[in-house]
Amino acid sequence: MKRIVLALLAASFISAPHAMAQSAAQVSSAQNGASCPRCNLFQADFNNRSLKNKNFAGARLRQSDMGLGIFNGTNFAGADLRDINGSAALFGRVNFAGANLTNANFVGAYLEHANFKGAILSGVNFSGAEMGSAIGLTQRQLDQTCGDEATELPHGLRIPVCVVH
């Protein structure tokens, strides 16, 4: 009996990485403009794509490339957006409520009216980002991020300057 249990445990560890791999069908569908809530879009390429008013709530988009994309009005509530590249992308009126944006790159991004309520922003680079009308941001969140003199923030908030290595 012990051997069977051990064999099952070993099999589950071996197959575990595959369970977290992206779904090629879901990625293709999303790249072609479909909403995809709770989908596994790990490392998907959305560079220079226009995906306005879509629903990616709860989706896994970790390490995805969204640079130069247009995502205005899209719902990313509760999504895993760790390590994404969102540089120079348009995220106007986007919902990031409760999303994990750890180490995201929003250099030069447009984030006006974006909702950051409860979002995890540790390590996010907002250098040059336009986010003067963003909502749900707290000083505590911004203290874990960085930006530069060109970063536009809601009135009364400040951001640490990014350290260049």
C-alpha atoms as a PDB file:
ATOM      1  CA  MET A   1       0.000   0.000   0.000  1.00  0.00           C
ATOM      2  CA  LYS A   2       2.866   2.367   0.858  1.00  0.00           C
ATOM      3  CA  ARG A   3       4.406   1.795  -2.578  1.00  0.00           C
ATOM      4  CA  ILE A   4       1.153   2.708  -4.300  1.00  0.00           C
ATOM      5  CA  VAL A   5       0.818   5.908  -2.281  1.00  0.00           C
ATOM      6  CA  LEU A   6       4.448   6.837  -2.960  1.00  0.00           C
ATOM      7  CA  ALA A   7       4.030   6.117  -6.679  1.00  0.00           C
ATOM      8  CA  LEU A   8       0.937   8.320  -6.806  1.00  0.00           C
ATOM      9  CA  LEU A   9       2.724  11.124  -4.965  1.00  0.00           C
ATOM     10  CA  ALA A  10       5.711  10.883  -7.309  1.00  0.00           C
ATOM     11  CA  ALA A  11       3.428  10.973 -10.349  1.00  0.00           C
ATOM     12  CA  SER A  12       1.655  14.057  -9.057  1.00  0.00           C
ATOM     13  CA  PHE A  13       4.965  15.897  -8.542  1.00  0.00           C
ATOM     14  CA  ILE A  14       6.152  14.966 -12.025  1.00  0.00           C
ATOM     15  CA  SER A  15       2.933  16.181 -13.655  1.00  0.00           C
ATOM     16  CA  ALA A  16       2.540  19.311 -11.505  1.00  0.00           C
ATOM     17  CA  PRO A  17       4.571  21.661 -13.758  1.00  0.00           C
ATOM     18  CA  HIS A  18       2.429  20.718 -16.742  1.00  0.00           C
ATOM     19  CA  ALA A  19      -0.724  21.617 -14.849  1.00  0.00           C
ATOM     20  CA  MET A  20       0.557  25.195 -14.591  1.00  0.00           C
ATOM     21  CA  ALA A  21       1.570  25.547 -18.251  1.00  0.00           C
ATOM     22  CA  GLN A  22      -0.356  27.928 -20.442  1.00  0.00           C
ATOM     23  CA  SER A  23      -3.271  26.710 -22.499  1.00  0.00           C
ATOM     24  CA  ALA A  24      -2.392  27.274 -26.167  1.00  0.00           C
ATOM     25  CA  ALA A  25      -6.073  27.234 -27.150  1.00  0.00           C
ATOM     26  CA  GLN A  26      -6.946  29.831 -24.504  1.00  0.00           C
ATOM     27  CA  VAL A  27      -3.994  32.027 -25.495  1.00  0.00           C
ATOM     28  CA  SER A  28      -4.943  31.896 -29.168  1.00  0.00           C
ATOM     29  CA  SER A  29      -8.568  32.702 -28.374  1.00  0.00           C
ATOM     30  CA  ALA A  30      -7.573  35.654 -26.164  1.00  0.00           C
ATOM     31  CA  GLN A  31      -5.062  36.944 -28.731  1.00  0.00           C
ATOM     32  CA  ASN A  32      -7.881  36.964 -31.265  1.00  0.00           C
ATOM     33  CA  GLY A  33     -10.084  39.123 -29.035  1.00  0.00           C
ATOM     34  CA  ALA A  34     -12.068  36.733 -26.831  1.00  0.00           C
ATOM     35  CA  SER A  35     -12.607  37.359 -23.129  1.00  0.00           C
ATOM     36  CA  CYS A  36     -11.008  34.647 -21.046  1.00  0.00           C
ATOM     37  CA  PRO A  37     -11.794  34.870 -17.307  1.00  0.00           C
ATOM     38  CA  ARG A  38      -9.849  32.443 -15.096  1.00  0.00           C
ATOM     39  CA  CYS A  39      -7.819  31.257 -18.109  1.00  0.00           C
ATOM     40  CA  ASN A  40      -4.187  30.191 -17.966  1.00  0.00           C
ATOM     41  CA  LEU A  41      -2.422  32.693 -20.223  1.00  0.00           C
ATOM     42  CA  PHE A  42       1.028  32.321 -18.648  1.00  0.00           C
ATOM     43  CA  GLN A  43       3.715  34.087 -20.750  1.00  0.00           C
ATOM     44  CA  ALA A  44       1.211  34.975 -23.484  1.00  0.00           C
ATOM     45  CA  ASP A  45       2.251  37.476 -26.135  1.00  0.00           C
ATOM     46  CA  PHE A  46      -0.223  40.366 -26.263  1.00  0.00           C
ATOM     47  CA  ASN A  47       2.406  42.819 -27.497  1.00  0.00           C
ATOM     48  CA  ASN A  48       0.843  45.531 -29.674  1.00  0.00           C
ATOM     49  CA  ARG A  49      -2.633  43.912 -29.478  1.00  0.00           C
ATOM     50  CA  SER A  50      -5.937  45.724 -29.082  1.00  0.00           C
ATOM     51  CA  LEU A  51      -8.059  43.939 -26.466  1.00  0.00           C
ATOM     52  CA  LYS A  52     -10.467  46.609 -25.262  1.00  0.00           C
ATOM     53  CA  ASN A  53     -13.359  45.869 -22.884  1.00  0.00           C
ATOM     54  CA  LYS A  54     -12.421  42.216 -22.325  1.00  0.00           C
ATOM     55  CA  ASN A  55     -12.811  40.083 -19.206  1.00  0.00           C
ATOM     56  CA  PHE A  56      -9.658  38.480 -17.813  1.00  0.00           C
ATOM     57  CA  ALA A  57     -10.835  38.423 -14.190  1.00  0.00           C
ATOM     58  CA  GLY A  58      -8.939  35.797 -12.210  1.00  0.00           C
ATOM     59  CA  ALA A  59      -6.800  34.850 -15.220  1.00  0.00           C
ATOM     60  CA  ARG A  60      -3.163  33.838 -14.934  1.00  0.00           C
ATOM     61  CA  LEU A  61      -1.232  36.277 -17.121  1.00  0.00           C
ATOM     62  CA  ARG A  62       2.070  36.034 -15.288  1.00  0.00           C
ATOM     63  CA  GLN A  63       5.091  37.081 -17.397  1.00  0.00           C
ATOM     64  CA  SER A  64       2.866  38.076 -20.320  1.00  0.00           C
ATOM     65  CA  ASP A  65       3.997  40.743 -22.764  1.00  0.00           C
ATOM     66  CA  MET A  66       1.375  43.483 -23.033  1.00  0.00           C
ATOM     67  CA  GLY A  67       3.740  46.208 -24.194  1.00  0.00           C
ATOM     68  CA  LEU A  68       2.263  48.747 -26.617  1.00  0.00           C
ATOM     69  CA  GLY A  69      -1.149  47.049 -26.290  1.00  0.00           C
ATOM     70  CA  ILE A  70      -4.567  48.636 -25.893  1.00  0.00           C
ATOM     71  CA  PHE A  71      -6.526  47.198 -22.948  1.00  0.00           C
ATOM     72  CA  ASN A  72      -8.875  50.093 -22.144  1.00  0.00           C
ATOM     73  CA  GLY A  73     -11.925  49.013 -20.156  1.00  0.00           C
ATOM     74  CA  THR A  74     -10.625  45.490 -19.547  1.00  0.00           C
ATOM     75  CA  ASN A  75     -11.330  43.628 -16.300  1.00  0.00           C
ATOM     76  CA  PHE A  76      -8.240  42.102 -14.664  1.00  0.00           C
ATOM     77  CA  ALA A  77      -9.802  41.870 -11.167  1.00  0.00           C
ATOM     78  CA  GLY A  78      -8.070  39.199  -9.096  1.00  0.00           C
ATOM     79  CA  ALA A  79      -5.755  38.249 -11.973  1.00  0.00           C
ATOM     80  CA  ASP A  80      -2.153  37.061 -11.623  1.00  0.00           C
ATOM     81  CA  LEU A  81      -0.222  39.765 -13.480  1.00  0.00           C
ATOM     82  CA  ARG A  82       3.147  39.222 -11.819  1.00  0.00           C
ATOM     83  CA  ASP A  83       6.155  40.152 -13.945  1.00  0.00           C
ATOM     84  CA  ILE A  84       4.106  41.424 -16.911  1.00  0.00           C
ATOM     85  CA  ASN A  85       5.471  43.906 -19.404  1.00  0.00           C
ATOM     86  CA  GLY A  86       2.872  46.664 -19.761  1.00  0.00           C
ATOM     87  CA  SER A  87       5.276  49.336 -21.014  1.00  0.00           C
ATOM     88  CA  ALA A  88       3.753  52.072 -23.174  1.00  0.00           C
ATOM     89  CA  ALA A  89       0.392  50.249 -23.128  1.00  0.00           C
ATOM     90  CA  LEU A  90      -3.047  51.785 -22.692  1.00  0.00           C
ATOM     91  CA  PHE A  91      -4.867  50.632 -19.553  1.00  0.00           C
ATOM     92  CA  GLY A  92      -7.493  53.368 -19.257  1.00  0.00           C
ATOM     93  CA  ARG A  93     -10.467  52.478 -17.034  1.00  0.00           C
ATOM     94  CA  VAL A  94      -8.992  49.016 -16.388  1.00  0.00           C
ATOM     95  CA  ASN A  95     -10.011  47.086 -13.277  1.00  0.00           C
ATOM     96  CA  PHE A  96      -6.962  45.766 -11.391  1.00  0.00           C
ATOM     97  CA  ALA A  97      -8.883  45.390  -8.101  1.00  0.00           C
ATOM     98  CA  GLY A  98      -7.345  42.583  -6.041  1.00  0.00           C
ATOM     99  CA  ALA A  99      -4.878  41.682  -8.822  1.00  0.00           C
ATOM    100  CA  ASN A 100      -1.291  40.657  -8.121  1.00  0.00           C
ATOM    101  CA  LEU A 101       0.940  43.019 -10.124  1.00  0.00           C
ATOM    102  CA  THR A 102       4.211  42.178  -8.341  1.00  0.00           C
ATOM    103  CA  ASN A 103       7.222  43.336 -10.389  1.00  0.00           C
ATOM    104  CA  ALA A 104       5.071  44.541 -13.303  1.00  0.00           C
ATOM    105  CA  ASN A 105       6.574  47.023 -15.757  1.00  0.00           C
ATOM    106  CA  PHE A 106       4.279  49.974 -16.507  1.00  0.00           C
ATOM    107  CA  VAL A 107       6.977  52.322 -17.836  1.00  0.00           C
ATOM    108  CA  GLY A 108       5.252  54.971 -19.933  1.00  0.00           C
ATOM    109  CA  ALA A 109       1.846  53.297 -19.552  1.00  0.00           C
ATOM    110  CA  TYR A 110      -1.488  55.116 -19.620  1.00  0.00           C
ATOM    111  CA  LEU A 111      -3.405  54.145 -16.453  1.00  0.00           C
ATOM    112  CA  GLU A 112      -5.973  56.947 -16.143  1.00  0.00           C
ATOM    113  CA  HIS A 113      -9.087  55.923 -14.180  1.00  0.00           C
ATOM    114  CA  ALA A 114      -7.586  52.449 -13.546  1.00  0.00           C
ATOM    115  CA  ASN A 115      -8.861  50.790 -10.350  1.00  0.00           C
ATOM    116  CA  PHE A 116      -6.065  49.531  -8.062  1.00  0.00           C
ATOM    117  CA  LYS A 117      -8.198  48.814  -4.988  1.00  0.00           C
ATOM    118  CA  GLY A 118      -6.538  46.017  -3.018  1.00  0.00           C
ATOM    119  CA  ALA A 119      -4.005  45.287  -5.769  1.00  0.00           C
ATOM    120  CA  ILE A 120      -0.564  43.993  -4.833  1.00  0.00           C
ATOM    121  CA  LEU A 121       1.949  46.441  -6.300  1.00  0.00           C
ATOM    122  CA  SER A 122       5.254  45.296  -4.780  1.00  0.00           C
ATOM    123  CA  GLY A 123       8.153  46.085  -7.116  1.00  0.00           C
ATOM    124  CA  VAL A 124       6.040  47.722  -9.849  1.00  0.00           C
ATOM    125  CA  ASN A 125       7.831  50.289 -12.037  1.00  0.00           C
ATOM    126  CA  PHE A 126       5.536  53.214 -12.870  1.00  0.00           C
ATOM    127  CA  SER A 127       8.223  55.453 -14.405  1.00  0.00           C
ATOM    128  CA  GLY A 128       6.599  57.901 -16.804  1.00  0.00           C
ATOM    129  CA  ALA A 129       3.143  56.417 -16.235  1.00  0.00           C
ATOM    130  CA  GLU A 130       0.047  58.601 -16.531  1.00  0.00           C
ATOM    131  CA  MET A 131      -2.149  57.683 -13.582  1.00  0.00           C
ATOM    132  CA  GLY A 132      -3.312  61.004 -12.158  1.00  0.00           C
ATOM    133  CA  SER A 133      -6.936  59.854 -12.082  1.00  0.00           C
ATOM    134  CA  ALA A 134      -6.303  56.267 -10.945  1.00  0.00           C
ATOM    135  CA  ILE A 135      -8.583  55.115  -8.127  1.00  0.00           C
ATOM    136  CA  GLY A 136      -8.124  52.810  -5.153  1.00  0.00           C
ATOM    137  CA  LEU A 137      -4.422  53.646  -4.765  1.00  0.00           C
ATOM    138  CA  THR A 138      -3.010  54.072  -1.288  1.00  0.00           C
ATOM    139  CA  GLN A 139       0.288  55.493  -0.149  1.00  0.00           C
ATOM    140  CA  ARG A 140       1.092  52.107   1.377  1.00  0.00           C
ATOM    141  CA  GLN A 141       0.757  50.475  -2.066  1.00  0.00           C
ATOM    142  CA  LEU A 142       2.875  53.140  -3.756  1.00  0.00           C
ATOM    143  CA  ASP A 143       5.591  52.880  -1.098  1.00  0.00           C
ATOM    144  CA  GLN A 144       6.330  49.391  -2.503  1.00  0.00           C
ATOM    145  CA  THR A 145       6.671  50.670  -6.092  1.00  0.00           C
ATOM    146  CA  CYS A 146       8.866  53.151  -7.912  1.00  0.00           C
ATOM    147  CA  GLY A 147       8.566  55.814 -10.557  1.00  0.00           C
ATOM    148  CA  ASP A 148      10.266  58.994 -11.701  1.00  0.00           C
ATOM    149  CA  GLU A 149       9.637  62.728 -12.032  1.00  0.00           C
ATOM    150  CA  ALA A 150       7.411  62.084 -15.065  1.00  0.00           C
ATOM    151  CA  THR A 151       5.063  59.728 -13.172  1.00  0.00           C
ATOM    152  CA  GLU A 152       1.650  61.383 -12.793  1.00  0.00           C
ATOM    153  CA  LEU A 153      -0.115  60.413  -9.553  1.00  0.00           C
ATOM    154  CA  PRO A 154      -3.447  61.231  -7.925  1.00  0.00           C
ATOM    155  CA  HIS A 155      -3.282  64.357  -5.764  1.00  0.00           C
ATOM    156  CA  GLY A 156      -1.631  63.823  -2.379  1.00  0.00           C
ATOM    157  CA  LEU A 157       0.225  60.637  -3.272  1.00  0.00           C
ATOM    158  CA  ARG A 158       3.957  60.253  -3.878  1.00  0.00           C
ATOM    159  CA  ILE A 159       6.143  57.508  -5.286  1.00  0.00           C
ATOM    160  CA  PRO A 160       9.726  56.450  -4.497  1.00  0.00           C
ATOM    161  CA  VAL A 161      12.236  57.108  -7.271  1.00  0.00           C
ATOM    162  CA  CYS A 162      13.446  53.993  -9.110  1.00  0.00           C
ATOM    163  CA  VAL A 163      17.073  53.113  -8.454  1.00  0.00           C
ATOM    164  CA  VAL A 164      19.050  52.340 -11.604  1.00  0.00           C
ATOM    165  CA  HIS A 165      21.512  49.481 -11.158  1.00  0.00           C
END
